[in-house]
Amino acid sequence: MEPLVESAALVLLLRTGSRPWQHYAELIEEAGSALAVLEQETGPQQQLLDPHPDLQSAVGQIEQWRAEGMRLLTVLDEEYPENLRGVHDRPPMIFVAGELRHEDARSVAVVGSRQATDRGRAIARKIAEHLVERGFTVASGLAAGIDTATHTAALARKGRTFAVIGTGLRRAYPPQNAPLQRRLVRQGAVVSQFWPDAPPSRRTFPMRNAVMSGMTLASVIVEASETSG
């Protein structure tokens, strides 16, 4: 089956389906096809009437995302991150701006408080530099404070770094990190499991943290409050 049609079928499943997203990841991996699962979900009566009334529209939407520099990767794609594939509640798809590389499987997340102290930011920079010098990719969440210090230090050492964000790729949060986000797209990657226009919320950031943890070999928490996600 054409990969673009499979991706479109998954988009339709997630737009219209009633199951939790992670259930669809399991179902389409078991079936080996998002289109097959879509056909099961729509039922025989709908298939007789019009098997895929919105499939072409979903194809067009994916092509528009590509034109904007956002690539959709599903669990059926070889390029889906190797580490994340082994996570129980992996997302069925992620959006990527920039380029994820095979070497990014050897990555460590460095994260922490948005209200970081000077000492905390200095520690984050040292850890990022240490990881880059030893050939690791450095991941973080593109938030203010520790995350910003981590990404900028990795870039300054000309190392690999990618961000996993808690919004859609069309947004930047915090807004003042928009230039850093664009730089990461050019020199690394920015990853999101959310629709491109999705806003920040209390729910999206813990979900983001789970994906970042799943994509990396380990996580280093530099500074965080007792109530931090």
Foldseek 3Di string as FASTA:
>chain_A
DPPLLQVLLLVVCVVDPDDPQLVLLVVCVVVVGSLVVLQVRVDDVVCVVPRCPCSVVSSVVQVVCVVVQKHKDALSDPPPQPLLNPDSSRGRIKIKQADDDNQQLAAEEEEEDLPEDPVLLVVLLVVLLVQQVVSHEYEYALEHDSRVSNLVSCVVNVGEYEHQYLFAQLDHVPNVSVVVQVVCSHRYMYMYSDHNHGDHDPPRPVVSVVSVCSSYPYYHYRYYDPPGD
